């Protein structure tokens, strides 16, 4: 989460949605400062923010969940930055790598698992993420697929006349460009069940090669129920004050500014 008192904006960095690149640029160019943790959410900000801060312009990035799942798989496959084997980042030690993620990581490496094998084993309920408890608090939402222009639009809305282009940070190695190479025909029905409600809610186009796009009623109900449970879960969760790991973009900014 990055705040700028000069331009009066708050950026909420959702995981796997260019948060590192945007965080770095907002800090470097627009006097953005770290506020709470990298992936803190608006309800956490709301608890501690001043009356004036609550008036700031809020924005975040929305990304296609099918892209996110592929990105996570490739990061696990390559063990990006050694994150999945670094005890300092484990959830029980105050980090962000959960036991479930380590279980997935071990499955991929122990079995040399394909994306399809990974997807079938670990995905059995409709996808939902922090977007559902974040985007309705935003004044503007950047679409990841149009991030270059939307990023500039967000900055123009806070009075920055000629915003700079957004550099790329933390690019995922080994990722193929075509999603159809991951979501093959043998997992299309499961993919519709998993992603259909989210894609529908946020007006994403279904992949052209899907033979049908009628979202099962069970998927829509479970997606709604999951959103309700998620909101309550995060409201009740204790807020961590631990800094991001030394050497990460956000962690370095935290230490530099303190």
C-alpha atoms as a PDB file:
ATOM      1  CA  UNK A   1       0.000   0.000   0.000  1.00  0.00           C
ATOM      2  CA  UNK A   2       1.445   3.349  -1.088  1.00  0.00           C
ATOM      3  CA  UNK A   3       0.218   6.805  -0.074  1.00  0.00           C
ATOM      4  CA  UNK A   4       1.192  10.205  -1.483  1.00  0.00           C
ATOM      5  CA  UNK A   5       0.472  13.278   0.590  1.00  0.00           C
ATOM      6  CA  UNK A   6       1.570  15.557  -2.227  1.00  0.00           C
ATOM      7  CA  UNK A   7      -0.901  14.165  -4.762  1.00  0.00           C
ATOM      8  CA  UNK A   8      -3.390  12.789  -2.215  1.00  0.00           C
ATOM      9  CA  UNK A   9      -3.700   9.231  -3.501  1.00  0.00           C
ATOM     10  CA  UNK A  10      -3.656   5.727  -2.036  1.00  0.00           C
ATOM     11  CA  UNK A  11      -2.582   2.725  -4.093  1.00  0.00           C
ATOM     12  CA  UNK A  12      -3.740  -0.697  -2.909  1.00  0.00           C
ATOM     13  CA  UNK A  13      -1.364  -3.347  -4.224  1.00  0.00           C
ATOM     14  CA  UNK A  14      -3.139  -6.633  -4.882  1.00  0.00           C
ATOM     15  CA  UNK A  15      -0.940  -9.750  -5.292  1.00  0.00           C
ATOM     16  CA  UNK A  16       0.231 -10.681  -8.810  1.00  0.00           C
ATOM     17  CA  UNK A  17      -1.169  -7.477 -10.300  1.00  0.00           C
ATOM     18  CA  UNK A  18       1.916  -5.348 -11.029  1.00  0.00           C
ATOM     19  CA  UNK A  19       1.979  -4.065  -7.442  1.00  0.00           C
ATOM     20  CA  UNK A  20       5.799  -4.166  -7.312  1.00  0.00           C
ATOM     21  CA  UNK A  21       6.248  -2.152 -10.492  1.00  0.00           C
ATOM     22  CA  UNK A  22       3.651   0.442  -9.498  1.00  0.00           C
ATOM     23  CA  UNK A  23       4.894   0.644  -5.904  1.00  0.00           C
ATOM     24  CA  UNK A  24       8.449   1.314  -7.056  1.00  0.00           C
ATOM     25  CA  UNK A  25       7.400   3.993  -9.530  1.00  0.00           C
ATOM     26  CA  UNK A  26       5.004   5.794  -7.201  1.00  0.00           C
ATOM     27  CA  UNK A  27       7.722   5.972  -4.568  1.00  0.00           C
ATOM     28  CA  UNK A  28      10.462   7.033  -6.980  1.00  0.00           C
ATOM     29  CA  UNK A  29       8.572   9.636  -9.014  1.00  0.00           C
ATOM     30  CA  UNK A  30       5.455  10.736  -7.113  1.00  0.00           C
ATOM     31  CA  UNK A  31       6.585  10.909  -3.487  1.00  0.00           C
ATOM     32  CA  UNK A  32       4.679   7.768  -2.521  1.00  0.00           C
ATOM     33  CA  UNK A  33       5.338   6.412   0.958  1.00  0.00           C
ATOM     34  CA  UNK A  34       4.761   2.902   2.333  1.00  0.00           C
ATOM     35  CA  UNK A  35       1.565   2.668   4.378  1.00  0.00           C
ATOM     36  CA  UNK A  36       0.984  -0.478   6.461  1.00  0.00           C
ATOM     37  CA  UNK A  37       2.093  -3.550   4.475  1.00  0.00           C
ATOM     38  CA  UNK A  38       2.535  -4.160   0.760  1.00  0.00           C
ATOM     39  CA  UNK A  39      -0.773  -6.009   0.348  1.00  0.00           C
ATOM     40  CA  UNK A  40      -2.795  -4.326   3.106  1.00  0.00           C
ATOM     41  CA  UNK A  41      -6.434  -3.726   2.204  1.00  0.00           C
ATOM     42  CA  UNK A  42      -8.726  -0.730   2.450  1.00  0.00           C
ATOM     43  CA  UNK A  43     -10.500  -1.860   5.624  1.00  0.00           C
ATOM     44  CA  UNK A  44      -7.082  -2.003   7.343  1.00  0.00           C
ATOM     45  CA  UNK A  45      -6.279   1.505   6.102  1.00  0.00           C
ATOM     46  CA  UNK A  46      -9.681   2.725   7.239  1.00  0.00           C
ATOM     47  CA  UNK A  47      -9.018   1.654  10.828  1.00  0.00           C
ATOM     48  CA  UNK A  48      -5.937   3.853  11.210  1.00  0.00           C
ATOM     49  CA  UNK A  49      -6.326   6.603   8.590  1.00  0.00           C
ATOM     50  CA  UNK A  50      -7.043  10.208   9.466  1.00  0.00           C
ATOM     51  CA  UNK A  51     -10.172  11.982   8.261  1.00  0.00           C
ATOM     52  CA  UNK A  52      -8.090  13.754   5.624  1.00  0.00           C
ATOM     53  CA  UNK A  53      -6.419  10.525   4.404  1.00  0.00           C
ATOM     54  CA  UNK A  54      -9.804   8.902   3.924  1.00  0.00           C
ATOM     55  CA  UNK A  55     -10.572  11.568   1.324  1.00  0.00           C
ATOM     56  CA  UNK A  56      -7.601  10.553  -0.838  1.00  0.00           C
ATOM     57  CA  UNK A  57      -8.075   9.104  -4.332  1.00  0.00           C
ATOM     58  CA  UNK A  58      -7.919   5.291  -4.138  1.00  0.00           C
ATOM     59  CA  UNK A  59      -6.916   2.980  -6.972  1.00  0.00           C
ATOM     60  CA  UNK A  60      -5.859  -0.631  -7.540  1.00  0.00           C
ATOM     61  CA  UNK A  61      -5.305  -3.126 -10.367  1.00  0.00           C
ATOM     62  CA  UNK A  62      -7.717  -5.822 -11.543  1.00  0.00           C
ATOM     63  CA  UNK A  63      -6.213  -8.816 -13.337  1.00  0.00           C
ATOM     64  CA  UNK A  64      -7.776 -11.800 -15.101  1.00  0.00           C
ATOM     65  CA  UNK A  65      -7.674 -14.707 -12.598  1.00  0.00           C
ATOM     66  CA  UNK A  66      -6.743 -17.165 -15.346  1.00  0.00           C
ATOM     67  CA  UNK A  67      -3.562 -15.131 -15.805  1.00  0.00           C
ATOM     68  CA  UNK A  68      -2.942 -14.999 -12.053  1.00  0.00           C
ATOM     69  CA  UNK A  69      -3.155 -18.776 -11.629  1.00  0.00           C
ATOM     70  CA  UNK A  70      -0.715 -19.320 -14.486  1.00  0.00           C
ATOM     71  CA  UNK A  71       1.667 -16.725 -13.021  1.00  0.00           C
ATOM     72  CA  UNK A  72       1.570 -18.405  -9.599  1.00  0.00           C
ATOM     73  CA  UNK A  73       2.232 -21.802 -11.184  1.00  0.00           C
ATOM     74  CA  UNK A  74       5.246 -20.512 -13.109  1.00  0.00           C
ATOM     75  CA  UNK A  75       6.617 -18.735 -10.027  1.00  0.00           C
ATOM     76  CA  UNK A  76       6.316 -21.978  -8.067  1.00  0.00           C
ATOM     77  CA  UNK A  77       7.853 -23.981 -10.875  1.00  0.00           C
ATOM     78  CA  UNK A  78      10.897 -21.698 -11.018  1.00  0.00           C
ATOM     79  CA  UNK A  79      10.883 -20.979  -7.253  1.00  0.00           C
ATOM     80  CA  UNK A  80      11.096 -17.280  -8.103  1.00  0.00           C
ATOM     81  CA  UNK A  81      13.692 -15.518  -5.906  1.00  0.00           C
ATOM     82  CA  UNK A  82      13.754 -18.620  -3.711  1.00  0.00           C
ATOM     83  CA  UNK A  83      10.562 -17.390  -2.065  1.00  0.00           C
ATOM     84  CA  UNK A  84       8.918 -20.790  -1.628  1.00  0.00           C
ATOM     85  CA  UNK A  85      11.889 -22.255   0.255  1.00  0.00           C
ATOM     86  CA  UNK A  86      12.717 -19.197   2.366  1.00  0.00           C
ATOM     87  CA  UNK A  87      11.550 -19.750   5.981  1.00  0.00           C
ATOM     88  CA  UNK A  88      11.522 -15.985   6.608  1.00  0.00           C
ATOM     89  CA  UNK A  89       8.598 -15.720   4.188  1.00  0.00           C
ATOM     90  CA  UNK A  90       6.529 -18.566   5.664  1.00  0.00           C
ATOM     91  CA  UNK A  91       3.175 -17.487   7.116  1.00  0.00           C
ATOM     92  CA  UNK A  92       3.924 -18.934  10.545  1.00  0.00           C
ATOM     93  CA  UNK A  93       6.973 -16.665  10.657  1.00  0.00           C
ATOM     94  CA  UNK A  94       5.013 -13.560   9.659  1.00  0.00           C
ATOM     95  CA  UNK A  95       5.535 -13.879   5.902  1.00  0.00           C
ATOM     96  CA  UNK A  96       3.147 -14.358   2.994  1.00  0.00           C
ATOM     97  CA  UNK A  97       3.941 -17.896   1.808  1.00  0.00           C
ATOM     98  CA  UNK A  98       1.203 -20.122   3.220  1.00  0.00           C
ATOM     99  CA  UNK A  99       1.392 -23.827   4.042  1.00  0.00           C
ATOM    100  CA  UNK A 100      -1.019 -24.463   1.183  1.00  0.00           C
ATOM    101  CA  UNK A 101       1.307 -22.703  -1.267  1.00  0.00           C
ATOM    102  CA  UNK A 102       4.225 -24.799  -0.046  1.00  0.00           C
ATOM    103  CA  UNK A 103       2.137 -27.933  -0.478  1.00  0.00           C
ATOM    104  CA  UNK A 104       1.448 -26.888  -4.072  1.00  0.00           C
ATOM    105  CA  UNK A 105       5.116 -26.048  -4.611  1.00  0.00           C
ATOM    106  CA  UNK A 106       6.181 -29.473  -3.319  1.00  0.00           C
ATOM    107  CA  UNK A 107       3.611 -31.240  -5.495  1.00  0.00           C
ATOM    108  CA  UNK A 108       4.874 -29.491  -8.618  1.00  0.00           C
ATOM    109  CA  UNK A 109       8.522 -30.303  -7.901  1.00  0.00           C
ATOM    110  CA  UNK A 110       8.094 -33.797  -6.455  1.00  0.00           C
ATOM    111  CA  UNK A 111       5.984 -34.911  -9.424  1.00  0.00           C
ATOM    112  CA  UNK A 112       7.345 -32.660 -12.183  1.00  0.00           C
ATOM    113  CA  UNK A 113       3.669 -31.791 -12.539  1.00  0.00           C
ATOM    114  CA  UNK A 114       2.181 -30.112 -15.571  1.00  0.00           C
ATOM    115  CA  UNK A 115      -0.086 -27.099 -15.213  1.00  0.00           C
ATOM    116  CA  UNK A 116      -3.106 -29.297 -15.944  1.00  0.00           C
ATOM    117  CA  UNK A 117      -2.168 -31.777 -13.192  1.00  0.00           C
ATOM    118  CA  UNK A 118      -1.606 -28.923 -10.753  1.00  0.00           C
ATOM    119  CA  UNK A 119      -4.918 -27.286 -11.678  1.00  0.00           C
ATOM    120  CA  UNK A 120      -6.970 -30.489 -11.329  1.00  0.00           C
ATOM    121  CA  UNK A 121      -5.456 -31.329  -7.938  1.00  0.00           C
ATOM    122  CA  UNK A 122      -5.729 -27.952  -6.236  1.00  0.00           C
ATOM    123  CA  UNK A 123      -8.696 -26.111  -7.782  1.00  0.00           C
ATOM    124  CA  UNK A 124     -12.137 -27.309  -6.746  1.00  0.00           C
ATOM    125  CA  UNK A 125     -14.115 -24.166  -5.894  1.00  0.00           C
ATOM    126  CA  UNK A 126     -14.806 -20.872  -7.707  1.00  0.00           C
ATOM    127  CA  UNK A 127     -11.830 -18.524  -7.773  1.00  0.00           C
ATOM    128  CA  UNK A 128     -12.039 -15.445  -5.596  1.00  0.00           C
ATOM    129  CA  UNK A 129      -9.341 -13.083  -4.408  1.00  0.00           C
ATOM    130  CA  UNK A 130      -8.844  -9.761  -2.661  1.00  0.00           C
ATOM    131  CA  UNK A 131     -10.499  -7.905  -5.547  1.00  0.00           C
ATOM    132  CA  UNK A 132     -13.903  -8.710  -4.072  1.00  0.00           C
ATOM    133  CA  UNK A 133     -13.137  -6.833  -0.856  1.00  0.00           C
ATOM    134  CA  UNK A 134     -11.088  -4.043  -2.407  1.00  0.00           C
ATOM    135  CA  UNK A 135     -12.366  -2.757  -5.732  1.00  0.00           C
ATOM    136  CA  UNK A 136     -15.670  -1.405  -4.429  1.00  0.00           C
ATOM    137  CA  UNK A 137     -13.593   0.974  -2.269  1.00  0.00           C
ATOM    138  CA  UNK A 138     -11.636   2.308  -5.243  1.00  0.00           C
ATOM    139  CA  UNK A 139     -12.231   5.532  -7.147  1.00  0.00           C
ATOM    140  CA  UNK A 140     -10.546   4.021 -10.196  1.00  0.00           C
ATOM    141  CA  UNK A 141      -9.604   0.483 -11.247  1.00  0.00           C
ATOM    142  CA  UNK A 142      -6.685  -0.183 -13.582  1.00  0.00           C
ATOM    143  CA  UNK A 143      -7.265  -3.135 -15.896  1.00  0.00           C
ATOM    144  CA  UNK A 144      -4.073  -5.166 -16.067  1.00  0.00           C
ATOM    145  CA  UNK A 145      -4.539  -5.893 -19.763  1.00  0.00           C
ATOM    146  CA  UNK A 146      -4.574  -2.135 -20.396  1.00  0.00           C
ATOM    147  CA  UNK A 147      -2.147  -1.221 -17.635  1.00  0.00           C
ATOM    148  CA  UNK A 148       0.039   1.202 -19.619  1.00  0.00           C
ATOM    149  CA  UNK A 149      -2.785   3.601 -20.396  1.00  0.00           C
ATOM    150  CA  UNK A 150      -4.890   2.986 -17.289  1.00  0.00           C
ATOM    151  CA  UNK A 151      -1.922   3.681 -15.012  1.00  0.00           C
ATOM    152  CA  UNK A 152      -1.455   7.072 -16.647  1.00  0.00           C
ATOM    153  CA  UNK A 153      -5.185   7.746 -16.438  1.00  0.00           C
ATOM    154  CA  UNK A 154      -5.157   7.088 -12.691  1.00  0.00           C
ATOM    155  CA  UNK A 155      -2.319   9.566 -12.194  1.00  0.00           C
ATOM    156  CA  UNK A 156      -3.957  12.188 -14.373  1.00  0.00           C
ATOM    157  CA  UNK A 157      -7.044  11.929 -12.168  1.00  0.00           C
ATOM    158  CA  UNK A 158      -4.981  13.140  -9.197  1.00  0.00           C
ATOM    159  CA  UNK A 159      -3.608  16.107 -11.131  1.00  0.00           C
ATOM    160  CA  UNK A 160      -0.376  14.749 -12.622  1.00  0.00           C
ATOM    161  CA  UNK A 161      -0.285  16.277 -16.093  1.00  0.00           C
ATOM    162  CA  UNK A 162       2.369  14.181 -17.877  1.00  0.00           C
ATOM    163  CA  UNK A 163       2.827  10.905 -16.003  1.00  0.00           C
ATOM    164  CA  UNK A 164       5.781   8.736 -16.968  1.00  0.00           C
ATOM    165  CA  UNK A 165       5.438   5.270 -18.489  1.00  0.00           C
ATOM    166  CA  UNK A 166       5.300   2.358 -16.070  1.00  0.00           C
ATOM    167  CA  UNK A 167       8.455   0.169 -16.135  1.00  0.00           C
ATOM    168  CA  UNK A 168       8.088  -3.587 -15.767  1.00  0.00           C
ATOM    169  CA  UNK A 169       9.185  -5.231 -12.494  1.00  0.00           C
ATOM    170  CA  UNK A 170       9.132  -8.856 -11.268  1.00  0.00           C
ATOM    171  CA  UNK A 171       8.373 -10.277 -14.709  1.00  0.00           C
ATOM    172  CA  UNK A 172       7.545 -13.996 -14.524  1.00  0.00           C
ATOM    173  CA  UNK A 173      10.056 -16.217 -16.326  1.00  0.00           C
ATOM    174  CA  UNK A 174       8.941 -19.195 -18.419  1.00  0.00           C
ATOM    175  CA  UNK A 175       5.375 -18.007 -18.909  1.00  0.00           C
ATOM    176  CA  UNK A 176       3.749 -18.688 -22.267  1.00  0.00           C
ATOM    177  CA  UNK A 177       1.704 -15.906 -23.842  1.00  0.00           C
ATOM    178  CA  UNK A 178      -1.269 -17.981 -24.972  1.00  0.00           C
ATOM    179  CA  UNK A 179      -3.539 -19.140 -22.151  1.00  0.00           C
ATOM    180  CA  UNK A 180      -4.901 -21.951 -24.332  1.00  0.00           C
ATOM    181  CA  UNK A 181      -1.548 -23.702 -23.863  1.00  0.00           C
ATOM    182  CA  UNK A 182      -2.385 -23.974 -20.167  1.00  0.00           C
ATOM    183  CA  UNK A 183      -6.173 -24.295 -20.176  1.00  0.00           C
ATOM    184  CA  UNK A 184      -6.397 -27.200 -22.581  1.00  0.00           C
ATOM    185  CA  UNK A 185      -9.648 -28.867 -23.618  1.00  0.00           C
ATOM    186  CA  UNK A 186      -9.417 -31.532 -20.930  1.00  0.00           C
ATOM    187  CA  UNK A 187      -9.774 -28.901 -18.173  1.00  0.00           C
ATOM    188  CA  UNK A 188     -12.113 -26.416 -19.889  1.00  0.00           C
ATOM    189  CA  UNK A 189     -15.231 -27.538 -17.998  1.00  0.00           C
ATOM    190  CA  UNK A 190     -13.398 -27.293 -14.689  1.00  0.00           C
ATOM    191  CA  UNK A 191     -11.978 -23.906 -15.737  1.00  0.00           C
ATOM    192  CA  UNK A 192     -15.500 -22.600 -16.397  1.00  0.00           C
ATOM    193  CA  UNK A 193     -16.618 -23.739 -12.948  1.00  0.00           C
ATOM    194  CA  UNK A 194     -13.567 -22.168 -11.291  1.00  0.00           C
ATOM    195  CA  UNK A 195     -13.344 -18.868 -13.179  1.00  0.00           C
ATOM    196  CA  UNK A 196     -16.790 -18.316 -14.679  1.00  0.00           C
ATOM    197  CA  UNK A 197     -18.376 -16.280 -11.830  1.00  0.00           C
ATOM    198  CA  UNK A 198     -15.337 -14.002 -11.462  1.00  0.00           C
ATOM    199  CA  UNK A 199     -15.039 -13.421 -15.213  1.00  0.00           C
ATOM    200  CA  UNK A 200     -18.750 -12.632 -15.401  1.00  0.00           C
ATOM    201  CA  UNK A 201     -18.696 -10.245 -12.422  1.00  0.00           C
ATOM    202  CA  UNK A 202     -15.789  -8.206 -13.750  1.00  0.00           C
ATOM    203  CA  UNK A 203     -16.890  -8.338 -17.400  1.00  0.00           C
ATOM    204  CA  UNK A 204     -14.037 -10.389 -18.803  1.00  0.00           C
ATOM    205  CA  UNK A 205     -14.525 -12.145 -22.112  1.00  0.00           C
ATOM    206  CA  UNK A 206     -14.537 -15.933 -21.927  1.00  0.00           C
ATOM    207  CA  UNK A 207     -11.746 -17.628 -23.916  1.00  0.00           C
ATOM    208  CA  UNK A 208     -12.765 -18.031 -27.552  1.00  0.00           C
ATOM    209  CA  UNK A 209     -12.004 -21.757 -27.629  1.00  0.00           C
ATOM    210  CA  UNK A 210     -14.399 -22.616 -24.789  1.00  0.00           C
ATOM    211  CA  UNK A 211     -17.172 -24.747 -26.250  1.00  0.00           C
ATOM    212  CA  UNK A 212     -19.769 -23.477 -23.765  1.00  0.00           C
ATOM    213  CA  UNK A 213     -19.918 -20.603 -21.287  1.00  0.00           C
ATOM    214  CA  UNK A 214     -23.026 -21.306 -19.220  1.00  0.00           C
ATOM    215  CA  UNK A 215     -21.864 -20.884 -15.633  1.00  0.00           C
ATOM    216  CA  UNK A 216     -23.185 -23.646 -13.337  1.00  0.00           C
ATOM    217  CA  UNK A 217     -25.603 -22.445 -10.671  1.00  0.00           C
ATOM    218  CA  UNK A 218     -23.490 -24.187  -8.032  1.00  0.00           C
ATOM    219  CA  UNK A 219     -20.453 -22.144  -9.096  1.00  0.00           C
ATOM    220  CA  UNK A 220     -22.365 -18.860  -8.855  1.00  0.00           C
ATOM    221  CA  UNK A 221     -23.699 -19.737  -5.388  1.00  0.00           C
ATOM    222  CA  UNK A 222     -20.290 -20.823  -4.058  1.00  0.00           C
ATOM    223  CA  UNK A 223     -18.680 -17.663  -5.463  1.00  0.00           C
ATOM    224  CA  UNK A 224     -21.233 -15.479  -3.659  1.00  0.00           C
ATOM    225  CA  UNK A 225     -20.852 -17.445  -0.426  1.00  0.00           C
ATOM    226  CA  UNK A 226     -17.069 -17.309  -0.654  1.00  0.00           C
ATOM    227  CA  UNK A 227     -17.153 -13.522  -1.048  1.00  0.00           C
ATOM    228  CA  UNK A 228     -19.279 -13.112   2.092  1.00  0.00           C
ATOM    229  CA  UNK A 229     -17.030 -15.401   4.141  1.00  0.00           C
ATOM    230  CA  UNK A 230     -13.897 -13.711   2.832  1.00  0.00           C
ATOM    231  CA  UNK A 231     -15.097 -10.263   3.881  1.00  0.00           C
ATOM    232  CA  UNK A 232     -15.750 -11.399   7.440  1.00  0.00           C
ATOM    233  CA  UNK A 233     -12.493 -13.368   7.597  1.00  0.00           C
ATOM    234  CA  UNK A 234     -10.340 -10.388   6.676  1.00  0.00           C
ATOM    235  CA  UNK A 235     -12.205  -7.990   8.938  1.00  0.00           C
ATOM    236  CA  UNK A 236     -11.503 -10.270  11.906  1.00  0.00           C
ATOM    237  CA  UNK A 237      -7.870 -10.950  11.016  1.00  0.00           C
ATOM    238  CA  UNK A 238      -5.229  -9.255  13.170  1.00  0.00           C
ATOM    239  CA  UNK A 239      -3.121  -6.699  11.371  1.00  0.00           C
ATOM    240  CA  UNK A 240       0.565  -7.562  11.076  1.00  0.00           C
ATOM    241  CA  UNK A 241       3.203  -4.877  11.570  1.00  0.00           C
ATOM    242  CA  UNK A 242       6.106  -6.928  10.229  1.00  0.00           C
ATOM    243  CA  UNK A 243       8.030  -5.316   7.379  1.00  0.00           C
ATOM    244  CA  UNK A 244       8.425  -6.948   3.970  1.00  0.00           C
ATOM    245  CA  UNK A 245      11.592  -8.943   3.462  1.00  0.00           C
ATOM    246  CA  UNK A 246      14.881  -7.085   3.088  1.00  0.00           C
ATOM    247  CA  UNK A 247      15.814  -6.963  -0.605  1.00  0.00           C
ATOM    248  CA  UNK A 248      12.227  -6.817  -1.879  1.00  0.00           C
ATOM    249  CA  UNK A 249      10.973  -3.635  -3.537  1.00  0.00           C
ATOM    250  CA  UNK A 250       8.503  -2.810  -0.767  1.00  0.00           C
ATOM    251  CA  UNK A 251      10.817  -3.941   2.010  1.00  0.00           C
ATOM    252  CA  UNK A 252      13.614  -1.694   0.768  1.00  0.00           C
ATOM    253  CA  UNK A 253      11.248   1.279   0.529  1.00  0.00           C
ATOM    254  CA  UNK A 254      10.056   0.672   4.113  1.00  0.00           C
ATOM    255  CA  UNK A 255      13.607   0.614   5.438  1.00  0.00           C
ATOM    256  CA  UNK A 256      14.687   3.615   3.397  1.00  0.00           C
ATOM    257  CA  UNK A 257      11.784   5.753   4.595  1.00  0.00           C
ATOM    258  CA  UNK A 258      12.191   4.860   8.273  1.00  0.00           C
END
